[in-house]
Amino acid sequence: MEHRFTVGGMTCQGCVRSVSAALQRVDPKAEVTVHLDTGVVEVKSELTHAELAAVIDDAGYEVEAG
């Protein structure tokens, strides 16, 4: 499944690596694309949208509603 999140608090490439690593820890097969300029994170994963959002939140970033 493909998921799209708008994520607040990402300001640098370190944030990109942190979000990507957190998502791939819970799903090593996940394909993660982070667009730092727009704050959009796209994930191809078998996990649910809510599960992935929780991982991003636990990594210290805010998943915006919508």
Protein backbone atom coordinates (compact mmCIF):
# COMPACT_ATOMS: atom_id res chain seq x y z
CA MET A 1 0.00 0.00 0.00
CA GLU A 2 1.10 3.54 -0.65
CA HIS A 3 0.86 6.11 2.13
CA ARG A 4 1.46 9.85 2.11
CA PHE A 5 2.11 12.00 5.18
CA THR A 6 2.71 15.69 5.72
CA VAL A 7 5.28 15.87 8.50
CA GLY A 8 6.28 18.90 10.55
CA GLY A 9 9.64 19.45 12.19
CA MET A 10 11.90 18.10 9.45
CA THR A 11 14.57 20.70 8.75
CA CYS A 12 17.68 18.89 7.46
CA GLN A 13 19.09 15.75 5.90
CA GLY A 14 19.57 14.33 9.41
CA CYS A 15 15.79 14.49 9.82
CA VAL A 16 15.34 12.71 6.51
CA ARG A 17 17.67 9.92 7.63
CA SER A 18 15.99 9.69 11.03
CA VAL A 19 12.47 9.36 9.61
CA SER A 20 13.59 6.90 6.92
CA ALA A 21 15.52 4.75 9.39
CA ALA A 22 12.62 4.65 11.88
CA LEU A 23 10.21 3.50 9.18
CA GLN A 24 12.58 0.88 7.82
CA ARG A 25 13.22 -0.51 11.31
CA VAL A 26 9.54 -1.49 11.59
CA ASP A 27 9.29 -2.57 7.94
CA PRO A 28 12.66 -3.35 6.35
CA LYS A 29 10.99 -3.77 2.96
CA ALA A 30 9.38 -0.31 3.06
CA GLU A 31 10.19 2.10 0.27
CA VAL A 32 10.52 5.56 1.82
CA THR A 33 10.77 8.86 -0.04
CA VAL A 34 11.13 12.07 1.96
CA HIS A 35 10.62 15.45 0.30
CA LEU A 36 12.31 17.82 2.74
CA ASP A 37 11.25 20.97 0.86
CA THR A 38 7.54 20.16 1.18
CA GLY A 39 7.56 18.05 4.34
CA VAL A 40 5.96 15.13 2.52
CA VAL A 41 6.87 11.53 3.33
CA GLU A 42 5.75 8.80 0.94
CA VAL A 43 5.90 5.20 2.08
CA LYS A 44 5.17 1.95 0.29
CA SER A 45 4.54 -0.57 3.06
CA GLU A 46 2.20 -3.34 4.13
CA LEU A 47 1.75 -1.63 7.51
CA THR A 48 -1.34 0.50 8.12
CA HIS A 49 -1.41 4.26 7.80
CA ALA A 50 -1.91 4.58 11.57
CA GLU A 51 1.04 2.29 12.34
CA LEU A 52 3.35 4.27 10.09
CA ALA A 53 2.12 7.60 11.49
CA ALA A 54 2.87 6.35 15.01
CA VAL A 55 6.42 5.44 13.98
CA ILE A 56 7.00 8.94 12.58
CA ASP A 57 5.54 10.46 15.75
CA ASP A 58 7.72 8.24 17.96
CA ALA A 59 10.76 9.42 16.00
CA GLY A 60 9.98 12.95 17.21
CA TYR A 61 8.17 14.44 14.20
CA GLU A 62 4.60 15.65 13.91
CA VAL A 63 2.29 14.00 11.41
CA GLU A 64 -0.16 16.69 10.36
CA ALA A 65 -3.83 15.82 10.03
CA GLY A 66 -5.38 15.86 6.63
